[in-house]
């Protein structure tokens, strides 16, 4: 049997920027070189956000990053820092629905 049969290739295109805030509350961009959690989730059937099909960490070093994840079931949502462990002013955009092609 083909070991690749039934696998779902998921491309995650992520934009990330890192800032430091000074004592006056002003943001200043700093280089990004962080190990960030990446998640792919199945359908949300019970209000918990969907079963994790993949949780792993990857280095994010640029403003725009593409991560390829292979899962064995149909993914519904994916993103970076899915459990909001990092400080983020807008956590609602970390995980988004999968666009099928």
PDB file of N, CA and C in Angstrom:
ATOM      1  N   UNK A   1       0.844  -1.186   0.000  1.00  0.00           N
ATOM      2  CA  UNK A   1       0.000   0.000   0.000  1.00  0.00           C
ATOM      3  C   UNK A   1       0.885   1.242   0.000  1.00  0.00           C
ATOM      4  N   UNK A   2       0.355   2.295  -0.610  1.00  0.00           N
ATOM      5  CA  UNK A   2       1.082   3.565  -0.693  1.00  0.00           C
ATOM      6  C   UNK A   2       1.053   4.256   0.669  1.00  0.00           C
ATOM      7  N   UNK A   3       2.220   4.480   1.257  1.00  0.00           N
ATOM      8  CA  UNK A   3       2.307   5.098   2.581  1.00  0.00           C
ATOM      9  C   UNK A   3       1.800   6.537   2.578  1.00  0.00           C
ATOM     10  N   UNK A   4       1.759   7.193   1.414  1.00  0.00           N
ATOM     11  CA  UNK A   4       1.321   8.581   1.325  1.00  0.00           C
ATOM     12  C   UNK A   4      -0.186   8.712   1.102  1.00  0.00           C
ATOM     13  N   UNK A   5      -0.864   7.618   0.806  1.00  0.00           N
ATOM     14  CA  UNK A   5      -2.297   7.663   0.535  1.00  0.00           C
ATOM     15  C   UNK A   5      -3.059   8.164   1.752  1.00  0.00           C
ATOM     16  N   UNK A   6      -3.974   9.070   1.537  1.00  0.00           N
ATOM     17  CA  UNK A   6      -4.813   9.584   2.608  1.00  0.00           C
ATOM     18  C   UNK A   6      -4.208  10.713   3.413  1.00  0.00           C
ATOM     19  N   UNK A   7      -2.954  11.058   3.160  1.00  0.00           N
ATOM     20  CA  UNK A   7      -2.342  12.151   3.904  1.00  0.00           C
ATOM     21  C   UNK A   7      -2.781  13.492   3.335  1.00  0.00           C
ATOM     22  N   UNK A   8      -2.919  14.475   4.197  1.00  0.00           N
ATOM     23  CA  UNK A   8      -3.347  15.821   3.815  1.00  0.00           C
ATOM     24  C   UNK A   8      -2.181  16.782   4.026  1.00  0.00           C
ATOM     25  N   UNK A   9      -1.751  17.417   2.943  1.00  0.00           N
ATOM     26  CA  UNK A   9      -0.666  18.394   3.004  1.00  0.00           C
ATOM     27  C   UNK A   9      -1.281  19.753   3.310  1.00  0.00           C
ATOM     28  N   UNK A  10      -0.814  20.381   4.367  1.00  0.00           N
ATOM     29  CA  UNK A  10      -1.345  21.664   4.795  1.00  0.00           C
ATOM     30  C   UNK A  10      -0.229  22.697   4.762  1.00  0.00           C
ATOM     31  N   UNK A  11      -0.427  23.757   3.960  1.00  0.00           N
ATOM     32  CA  UNK A  11       0.527  24.863   3.921  1.00  0.00           C
ATOM     33  C   UNK A  11      -0.014  25.970   4.806  1.00  0.00           C
ATOM     34  N   UNK A  12       0.804  26.417   5.735  1.00  0.00           N
ATOM     35  CA  UNK A  12       0.415  27.508   6.620  1.00  0.00           C
ATOM     36  C   UNK A  12       1.261  28.715   6.246  1.00  0.00           C
ATOM     37  N   UNK A  13       0.603  29.757   5.747  1.00  0.00           N
ATOM     38  CA  UNK A  13       1.281  31.003   5.423  1.00  0.00           C
ATOM     39  C   UNK A  13       1.032  31.947   6.600  1.00  0.00           C
ATOM     40  N   UNK A  14       2.088  32.291   7.307  1.00  0.00           N
ATOM     41  CA  UNK A  14       1.936  33.085   8.524  1.00  0.00           C
ATOM     42  C   UNK A  14       2.721  34.386   8.428  1.00  0.00           C
ATOM     43  N   UNK A  15       2.102  35.430   8.919  1.00  0.00           N
ATOM     44  CA  UNK A  15       2.782  36.719   9.056  1.00  0.00           C
ATOM     45  C   UNK A  15       2.990  36.976  10.531  1.00  0.00           C
ATOM     46  N   UNK A  16       4.193  37.346  10.895  1.00  0.00           N
ATOM     47  CA  UNK A  16       4.485  37.587  12.313  1.00  0.00           C
ATOM     48  C   UNK A  16       5.496  38.716  12.435  1.00  0.00           C
ATOM     49  N   UNK A  17       5.278  39.560  13.394  1.00  0.00           N
ATOM     50  CA  UNK A  17       6.224  40.641  13.698  1.00  0.00           C
ATOM     51  C   UNK A  17       6.414  40.698  15.203  1.00  0.00           C
ATOM     52  N   UNK A  18       7.574  41.162  15.586  1.00  0.00           N
ATOM     53  CA  UNK A  18       7.901  41.239  17.011  1.00  0.00           C
ATOM     54  C   UNK A  18       8.228  42.691  17.349  1.00  0.00           C
ATOM     55  N   UNK A  19       7.725  43.145  18.487  1.00  0.00           N
ATOM     56  CA  UNK A  19       7.949  44.513  18.939  1.00  0.00           C
ATOM     57  C   UNK A  19       8.370  44.508  20.397  1.00  0.00           C
ATOM     58  N   UNK A  20       9.103  45.500  20.768  1.00  0.00           N
ATOM     59  CA  UNK A  20       9.389  45.795  22.181  1.00  0.00           C
ATOM     60  C   UNK A  20       8.696  47.117  22.485  1.00  0.00           C
ATOM     61  N   UNK A  21       8.238  47.260  23.714  1.00  0.00           N
ATOM     62  CA  UNK A  21       7.571  48.473  24.132  1.00  0.00           C
ATOM     63  C   UNK A  21       8.464  49.183  25.132  1.00  0.00           C
ATOM     64  N   UNK A  22       8.681  50.480  24.892  1.00  0.00           N
ATOM     65  CA  UNK A  22       9.534  51.244  25.811  1.00  0.00           C
ATOM     66  C   UNK A  22       8.712  51.750  26.999  1.00  0.00           C
ATOM     67  N   UNK A  23       9.357  52.486  27.883  1.00  0.00           N
ATOM     68  CA  UNK A  23       8.714  52.929  29.126  1.00  0.00           C
ATOM     69  C   UNK A  23       7.570  53.909  28.874  1.00  0.00           C
ATOM     70  N   UNK A  24       7.507  54.496  27.681  1.00  0.00           N
ATOM     71  CA  UNK A  24       6.422  55.412  27.346  1.00  0.00           C
ATOM     72  C   UNK A  24       5.290  54.716  26.579  1.00  0.00           C
ATOM     73  N   UNK A  25       5.428  53.400  26.394  1.00  0.00           N
ATOM     74  CA  UNK A  25       4.397  52.643  25.711  1.00  0.00           C
ATOM     75  C   UNK A  25       4.525  52.629  24.192  1.00  0.00           C
ATOM     76  N   UNK A  26       5.614  53.129  23.661  1.00  0.00           N
ATOM     77  CA  UNK A  26       5.817  53.130  22.202  1.00  0.00           C
ATOM     78  C   UNK A  26       6.389  51.788  21.757  1.00  0.00           C
ATOM     79  N   UNK A  27       5.881  51.288  20.631  1.00  0.00           N
ATOM     80  CA  UNK A  27       6.357  50.024  20.080  1.00  0.00           C
ATOM     81  C   UNK A  27       7.529  50.267  19.141  1.00  0.00           C
ATOM     82  N   UNK A  28       8.520  49.374  19.227  1.00  0.00           N
ATOM     83  CA  UNK A  28       9.681  49.428  18.346  1.00  0.00           C
ATOM     84  C   UNK A  28       9.901  48.035  17.764  1.00  0.00           C
ATOM     85  N   UNK A  29       9.980  47.907  16.422  1.00  0.00           N
ATOM     86  CA  UNK A  29      10.195  46.591  15.828  1.00  0.00           C
ATOM     87  C   UNK A  29      11.568  46.034  16.186  1.00  0.00           C
ATOM     88  N   UNK A  30      11.612  44.735  16.420  1.00  0.00           N
ATOM     89  CA  UNK A  30      12.868  44.033  16.679  1.00  0.00           C
ATOM     90  C   UNK A  30      12.895  42.793  15.794  1.00  0.00           C
ATOM     91  N   UNK A  31      14.077  42.279  15.472  1.00  0.00           N
ATOM     92  CA  UNK A  31      14.148  41.081  14.622  1.00  0.00           C
ATOM     93  C   UNK A  31      13.451  39.888  15.268  1.00  0.00           C
ATOM     94  N   UNK A  32      12.773  39.124  14.433  1.00  0.00           N
ATOM     95  CA  UNK A  32      12.067  37.930  14.899  1.00  0.00           C
ATOM     96  C   UNK A  32      12.975  36.729  14.684  1.00  0.00           C
ATOM     97  N   UNK A  33      13.204  35.958  15.715  1.00  0.00           N
ATOM     98  CA  UNK A  33      13.957  34.703  15.649  1.00  0.00           C
ATOM     99  C   UNK A  33      13.483  33.850  16.816  1.00  0.00           C
ATOM    100  N   UNK A  34      12.238  33.389  16.693  1.00  0.00           N
ATOM    101  CA  UNK A  34      11.598  32.704  17.807  1.00  0.00           C
ATOM    102  C   UNK A  34      11.087  31.333  17.388  1.00  0.00           C
ATOM    103  N   UNK A  35      11.133  30.397  18.311  1.00  0.00           N
ATOM    104  CA  UNK A  35      10.563  29.077  18.119  1.00  0.00           C
ATOM    105  C   UNK A  35       9.096  29.177  18.533  1.00  0.00           C
ATOM    106  N   UNK A  36       8.195  29.030  17.548  1.00  0.00           N
ATOM    107  CA  UNK A  36       6.768  29.285  17.771  1.00  0.00           C
ATOM    108  C   UNK A  36       5.975  28.008  17.503  1.00  0.00           C
ATOM    109  N   UNK A  37       4.962  27.769  18.326  1.00  0.00           N
ATOM    110  CA  UNK A  37       4.116  26.601  18.146  1.00  0.00           C
ATOM    111  C   UNK A  37       3.227  26.770  16.906  1.00  0.00           C
ATOM    112  N   UNK A  38       3.098  25.679  16.152  1.00  0.00           N
ATOM    113  CA  UNK A  38       2.252  25.628  14.969  1.00  0.00           C
ATOM    114  C   UNK A  38       1.218  24.535  15.204  1.00  0.00           C
ATOM    115  N   UNK A  39      -0.042  24.834  14.879  1.00  0.00           N
ATOM    116  CA  UNK A  39      -1.089  23.850  15.102  1.00  0.00           C
ATOM    117  C   UNK A  39      -1.983  23.675  13.894  1.00  0.00           C
ATOM    118  N   UNK A  40      -2.420  22.443  13.690  1.00  0.00           N
ATOM    119  CA  UNK A  40      -3.427  22.107  12.683  1.00  0.00           C
ATOM    120  C   UNK A  40      -4.519  21.348  13.428  1.00  0.00           C
ATOM    121  N   UNK A  41      -5.784  21.735  13.195  1.00  0.00           N
ATOM    122  CA  UNK A  41      -6.894  21.206  13.970  1.00  0.00           C
ATOM    123  C   UNK A  41      -7.987  20.648  13.071  1.00  0.00           C
ATOM    124  N   UNK A  42      -8.656  19.618  13.557  1.00  0.00           N
ATOM    125  CA  UNK A  42      -9.796  19.052  12.858  1.00  0.00           C
ATOM    126  C   UNK A  42     -11.030  19.909  13.080  1.00  0.00           C
ATOM    127  N   UNK A  43     -12.156  19.438  12.595  1.00  0.00           N
ATOM    128  CA  UNK A  43     -13.416  20.167  12.729  1.00  0.00           C
ATOM    129  C   UNK A  43     -13.795  20.330  14.194  1.00  0.00           C
ATOM    130  N   UNK A  44     -14.377  21.486  14.519  1.00  0.00           N
ATOM    131  CA  UNK A  44     -14.839  21.777  15.874  1.00  0.00           C
ATOM    132  C   UNK A  44     -16.257  21.242  16.021  1.00  0.00           C
ATOM    133  N   UNK A  45     -16.383  20.065  16.584  1.00  0.00           N
ATOM    134  CA  UNK A  45     -17.702  19.443  16.722  1.00  0.00           C
ATOM    135  C   UNK A  45     -18.301  19.621  18.111  1.00  0.00           C
ATOM    136  N   UNK A  46     -17.495  20.103  19.074  1.00  0.00           N
ATOM    137  CA  UNK A  46     -17.998  20.204  20.447  1.00  0.00           C
ATOM    138  C   UNK A  46     -17.689  21.543  21.119  1.00  0.00           C
ATOM    139  N   UNK A  47     -17.298  22.557  20.337  1.00  0.00           N
ATOM    140  CA  UNK A  47     -17.052  23.882  20.894  1.00  0.00           C
ATOM    141  C   UNK A  47     -15.690  24.062  21.530  1.00  0.00           C
ATOM    142  N   UNK A  48     -14.779  23.099  21.371  1.00  0.00           N
ATOM    143  CA  UNK A  48     -13.458  23.205  21.984  1.00  0.00           C
ATOM    144  C   UNK A  48     -12.383  23.682  21.014  1.00  0.00           C
ATOM    145  N   UNK A  49     -12.753  23.959  19.763  1.00  0.00           N
ATOM    146  CA  UNK A  49     -11.773  24.434  18.790  1.00  0.00           C
ATOM    147  C   UNK A  49     -11.262  23.357  17.856  1.00  0.00           C
ATOM    148  N   UNK A  50     -11.687  22.133  18.045  1.00  0.00           N
ATOM    149  CA  UNK A  50     -11.259  21.043  17.174  1.00  0.00           C
ATOM    150  C   UNK A  50     -10.091  20.266  17.748  1.00  0.00           C
ATOM    151  N   UNK A  51     -10.054  18.998  17.415  1.00  0.00           N
ATOM    152  CA  UNK A  51      -8.982  18.123  17.893  1.00  0.00           C
ATOM    153  C   UNK A  51      -7.657  18.482  17.228  1.00  0.00           C
ATOM    154  N   UNK A  52      -6.580  18.600  17.989  1.00  0.00           N
ATOM    155  CA  UNK A  52      -5.269  18.865  17.377  1.00  0.00           C
ATOM    156  C   UNK A  52      -4.839  17.679  16.501  1.00  0.00           C
ATOM    157  N   UNK A  53      -4.584  17.947  15.235  1.00  0.00           N
ATOM    158  CA  UNK A  53      -4.051  16.930  14.328  1.00  0.00           C
ATOM    159  C   UNK A  53      -2.533  17.020  14.277  1.00  0.00           C
ATOM    160  N   UNK A  54      -2.004  18.202  14.592  1.00  0.00           N
ATOM    161  CA  UNK A  54      -0.550  18.423  14.647  1.00  0.00           C
ATOM    162  C   UNK A  54      -0.283  19.593  15.583  1.00  0.00           C
ATOM    163  N   UNK A  55       0.650  19.429  16.487  1.00  0.00           N
ATOM    164  CA  UNK A  55       1.193  20.512  17.303  1.00  0.00           C
ATOM    165  C   UNK A  55       2.700  20.338  17.292  1.00  0.00           C
ATOM    166  N   UNK A  56       3.391  21.353  16.856  1.00  0.00           N
ATOM    167  CA  UNK A  56       4.845  21.310  16.808  1.00  0.00           C
ATOM    168  C   UNK A  56       5.382  22.723  16.861  1.00  0.00           C
ATOM    169  N   UNK A  57       6.674  22.837  16.891  1.00  0.00           N
ATOM    170  CA  UNK A  57       7.279  24.171  16.928  1.00  0.00           C
ATOM    171  C   UNK A  57       8.185  24.357  15.726  1.00  0.00           C
ATOM    172  N   UNK A  58       8.224  25.579  15.231  1.00  0.00           N
ATOM    173  CA  UNK A  58       9.075  25.912  14.099  1.00  0.00           C
ATOM    174  C   UNK A  58       9.682  27.287  14.323  1.00  0.00           C
ATOM    175  N   UNK A  59      10.838  27.498  13.734  1.00  0.00           N
ATOM    176  CA  UNK A  59      11.501  28.795  13.840  1.00  0.00           C
ATOM    177  C   UNK A  59      10.816  29.791  12.922  1.00  0.00           C
ATOM    178  N   UNK A  60      10.466  30.941  13.459  1.00  0.00           N
ATOM    179  CA  UNK A  60       9.933  32.057  12.678  1.00  0.00           C
ATOM    180  C   UNK A  60      11.018  33.129  12.712  1.00  0.00           C
ATOM    181  N   UNK A  61      11.573  33.424  11.521  1.00  0.00           N
ATOM    182  CA  UNK A  61      12.695  34.376  11.444  1.00  0.00           C
ATOM    183  C   UNK A  61      12.410  35.555  10.525  1.00  0.00           C
ATOM    184  N   UNK A  62      11.291  35.518   9.816  1.00  0.00           N
ATOM    185  CA  UNK A  62      10.952  36.604   8.891  1.00  0.00           C
ATOM    186  C   UNK A  62       9.503  37.013   9.107  1.00  0.00           C
ATOM    187  N   UNK A  63       9.122  38.141   8.510  1.00  0.00           N
ATOM    188  CA  UNK A  63       7.751  38.628   8.632  1.00  0.00           C
ATOM    189  C   UNK A  63       6.742  37.691   7.993  1.00  0.00           C
ATOM    190  N   UNK A  64       7.182  36.936   6.982  1.00  0.00           N
ATOM    191  CA  UNK A  64       6.292  36.043   6.262  1.00  0.00           C
ATOM    192  C   UNK A  64       6.940  34.662   6.192  1.00  0.00           C
ATOM    193  N   UNK A  65       6.231  33.661   6.688  1.00  0.00           N
ATOM    194  CA  UNK A  65       6.771  32.309   6.763  1.00  0.00           C
ATOM    195  C   UNK A  65       5.742  31.320   6.237  1.00  0.00           C
ATOM    196  N   UNK A  66       6.209  30.288   5.544  1.00  0.00           N
ATOM    197  CA  UNK A  66       5.336  29.202   5.110  1.00  0.00           C
ATOM    198  C   UNK A  66       5.828  27.915   5.754  1.00  0.00           C
ATOM    199  N   UNK A  67       4.913  27.212   6.399  1.00  0.00           N
ATOM    200  CA  UNK A  67       5.212  25.946   7.076  1.00  0.00           C
ATOM    201  C   UNK A  67       4.346  24.870   6.427  1.00  0.00           C
ATOM    202  N   UNK A  68       4.948  23.728   6.106  1.00  0.00           N
ATOM    203  CA  UNK A  68       4.193  22.603   5.550  1.00  0.00           C
ATOM    204  C   UNK A  68       4.030  21.542   6.629  1.00  0.00           C
ATOM    205  N   UNK A  69       2.790  21.131   6.840  1.00  0.00           N
ATOM    206  CA  UNK A  69       2.470  20.121   7.837  1.00  0.00           C
ATOM    207  C   UNK A  69       1.658  19.028   7.143  1.00  0.00           C
ATOM    208  N   UNK A  70       1.979  17.771   7.423  1.00  0.00           N
ATOM    209  CA  UNK A  70       1.251  16.649   6.850  1.00  0.00           C
ATOM    210  C   UNK A  70       0.474  15.967   7.976  1.00  0.00           C
ATOM    211  N   UNK A  71      -0.844  15.822   7.768  1.00  0.00           N
ATOM    212  CA  UNK A  71      -1.702  15.176   8.762  1.00  0.00           C
ATOM    213  C   UNK A  71      -2.474  14.039   8.097  1.00  0.00           C
ATOM    214  N   UNK A  72      -3.023  13.157   8.901  1.00  0.00           N
ATOM    215  CA  UNK A  72      -3.716  11.989   8.342  1.00  0.00           C
ATOM    216  C   UNK A  72      -5.233  12.126   8.303  1.00  0.00           C
ATOM    217  N   UNK A  73      -5.746  13.286   8.725  1.00  0.00           N
ATOM    218  CA  UNK A  73      -7.188  13.540   8.662  1.00  0.00           C
ATOM    219  C   UNK A  73      -7.431  14.926   8.082  1.00  0.00           C
ATOM    220  N   UNK A  74      -8.646  15.191   7.663  1.00  0.00           N
ATOM    221  CA  UNK A  74      -8.993  16.454   7.032  1.00  0.00           C
ATOM    222  C   UNK A  74      -8.869  17.608   8.029  1.00  0.00           C
ATOM    223  N   UNK A  75      -7.993  18.579   7.754  1.00  0.00           N
ATOM    224  CA  UNK A  75      -7.841  19.717   8.655  1.00  0.00           C
ATOM    225  C   UNK A  75      -8.942  20.753   8.423  1.00  0.00           C
ATOM    226  N   UNK A  76      -9.302  21.457   9.483  1.00  0.00           N
ATOM    227  CA  UNK A  76     -10.319  22.508   9.383  1.00  0.00           C
ATOM    228  C   UNK A  76      -9.738  23.888   9.675  1.00  0.00           C
ATOM    229  N   UNK A  77      -8.755  23.947  10.586  1.00  0.00           N
ATOM    230  CA  UNK A  77      -8.146  25.232  10.965  1.00  0.00           C
ATOM    231  C   UNK A  77      -6.655  25.020  11.197  1.00  0.00           C
ATOM    232  N   UNK A  78      -5.886  26.102  11.026  1.00  0.00           N
ATOM    233  CA  UNK A  78      -4.440  26.019  11.257  1.00  0.00           C
ATOM    234  C   UNK A  78      -3.902  27.410  11.585  1.00  0.00           C
ATOM    235  N   UNK A  79      -2.726  27.430  12.228  1.00  0.00           N
ATOM    236  CA  UNK A  79      -2.102  28.709  12.516  1.00  0.00           C
ATOM    237  C   UNK A  79      -0.911  28.579  13.436  1.00  0.00           C
ATOM    238  N   UNK A  80      -0.383  29.742  13.820  1.00  0.00           N
ATOM    239  CA  UNK A  80       0.768  29.785  14.720  1.00  0.00           C
ATOM    240  C   UNK A  80       0.328  30.287  16.095  1.00  0.00           C
ATOM    241  N   UNK A  81       1.022  29.856  17.110  1.00  0.00           N
ATOM    242  CA  UNK A  81       0.721  30.178  18.500  1.00  0.00           C
ATOM    243  C   UNK A  81      -0.769  29.970  18.798  1.00  0.00           C
ATOM    244  N   UNK A  82      -1.281  28.760  18.527  1.00  0.00           N
ATOM    245  CA  UNK A  82      -2.719  28.530  18.636  1.00  0.00           C
ATOM    246  C   UNK A  82      -3.292  28.672  20.039  1.00  0.00           C
ATOM    247  N   UNK A  83      -2.488  28.482  21.053  1.00  0.00           N
ATOM    248  CA  UNK A  83      -2.976  28.590  22.428  1.00  0.00           C
ATOM    249  C   UNK A  83      -2.552  29.902  23.084  1.00  0.00           C
ATOM    250  N   UNK A  84      -2.109  30.868  22.259  1.00  0.00           N
ATOM    251  CA  UNK A  84      -1.793  32.232  22.709  1.00  0.00           C
ATOM    252  C   UNK A  84      -0.833  32.245  23.893  1.00  0.00           C
ATOM    253  N   UNK A  85       0.270  31.534  23.764  1.00  0.00           N
ATOM    254  CA  UNK A  85       1.293  31.522  24.815  1.00  0.00           C
ATOM    255  C   UNK A  85       2.186  32.756  24.748  1.00  0.00           C
ATOM    256  N   UNK A  86       2.268  33.357  23.555  1.00  0.00           N
ATOM    257  CA  UNK A  86       3.077  34.560  23.379  1.00  0.00           C
ATOM    258  C   UNK A  86       2.211  35.802  23.588  1.00  0.00           C
ATOM    259  N   UNK A  87       2.835  36.902  23.955  1.00  0.00           N
ATOM    260  CA  UNK A  87       2.100  38.154  24.104  1.00  0.00           C
ATOM    261  C   UNK A  87       1.697  38.613  22.708  1.00  0.00           C
ATOM    262  N   UNK A  88       0.417  38.926  22.546  1.00  0.00           N
ATOM    263  CA  UNK A  88      -0.127  39.250  21.237  1.00  0.00           C
ATOM    264  C   UNK A  88      -1.294  40.208  21.437  1.00  0.00           C
ATOM    265  N   UNK A  89      -1.292  41.313  20.714  1.00  0.00           N
ATOM    266  CA  UNK A  89      -2.377  42.287  20.864  1.00  0.00           C
ATOM    267  C   UNK A  89      -3.661  41.851  20.167  1.00  0.00           C
ATOM    268  N   UNK A  90      -3.567  40.936  19.206  1.00  0.00           N
ATOM    269  CA  UNK A  90      -4.759  40.435  18.520  1.00  0.00           C
ATOM    270  C   UNK A  90      -4.629  38.924  18.342  1.00  0.00           C
ATOM    271  N   UNK A  91      -5.096  38.174  19.313  1.00  0.00           N
ATOM    272  CA  UNK A  91      -4.970  36.707  19.298  1.00  0.00           C
ATOM    273  C   UNK A  91      -6.012  36.047  18.402  1.00  0.00           C
ATOM    274  N   UNK A  92      -7.023  36.795  17.989  1.00  0.00           N
ATOM    275  CA  UNK A  92      -8.106  36.217  17.196  1.00  0.00           C
ATOM    276  C   UNK A  92      -7.655  35.764  15.814  1.00  0.00           C
ATOM    277  N   UNK A  93      -6.527  36.263  15.315  1.00  0.00           N
ATOM    278  CA  UNK A  93      -6.090  35.914  13.963  1.00  0.00           C
ATOM    279  C   UNK A  93      -4.988  34.852  13.949  1.00  0.00           C
ATOM    280  N   UNK A  94      -4.687  34.255  15.086  1.00  0.00           N
ATOM    281  CA  UNK A  94      -3.615  33.262  15.138  1.00  0.00           C
ATOM    282  C   UNK A  94      -3.981  31.958  14.434  1.00  0.00           C
ATOM    283  N   UNK A  95      -5.228  31.545  14.531  1.00  0.00           N
ATOM    284  CA  UNK A  95      -5.700  30.307  13.901  1.00  0.00           C
ATOM    285  C   UNK A  95      -6.884  30.670  13.004  1.00  0.00           C
ATOM    286  N   UNK A  96      -6.808  30.222  11.754  1.00  0.00           N
ATOM    287  CA  UNK A  96      -7.844  30.574  10.774  1.00  0.00           C
ATOM    288  C   UNK A  96      -8.343  29.324  10.054  1.00  0.00           C
ATOM    289  N   UNK A  97      -9.515  29.406   9.435  1.00  0.00           N
ATOM    290  CA  UNK A  97     -10.015  28.256   8.668  1.00  0.00           C
ATOM    291  C   UNK A  97      -9.097  27.914   7.491  1.00  0.00           C
ATOM    292  N   UNK A  98      -9.052  26.649   7.153  1.00  0.00           N
ATOM    293  CA  UNK A  98      -8.268  26.165   6.002  1.00  0.00           C
ATOM    294  C   UNK A  98      -8.997  26.578   4.723  1.00  0.00           C
ATOM    295  N   UNK A  99      -8.239  27.087   3.757  1.00  0.00           N
ATOM    296  CA  UNK A  99      -8.773  27.356   2.417  1.00  0.00           C
ATOM    297  C   UNK A  99      -8.402  26.189   1.546  1.00  0.00           C
ATOM    298  N   UNK A 100      -9.367  25.527   0.977  1.00  0.00           N
ATOM    299  CA  UNK A 100      -9.126  24.344   0.148  1.00  0.00           C
ATOM    300  C   UNK A 100      -8.810  24.749  -1.277  1.00  0.00           C
ATOM    301  N   UNK A 101      -7.859  24.035  -1.888  1.00  0.00           N
ATOM    302  CA  UNK A 101      -7.525  24.290  -3.292  1.00  0.00           C
ATOM    303  C   UNK A 101      -7.541  23.010  -4.072  1.00  0.00           C
TER     304      UNK A 101
END
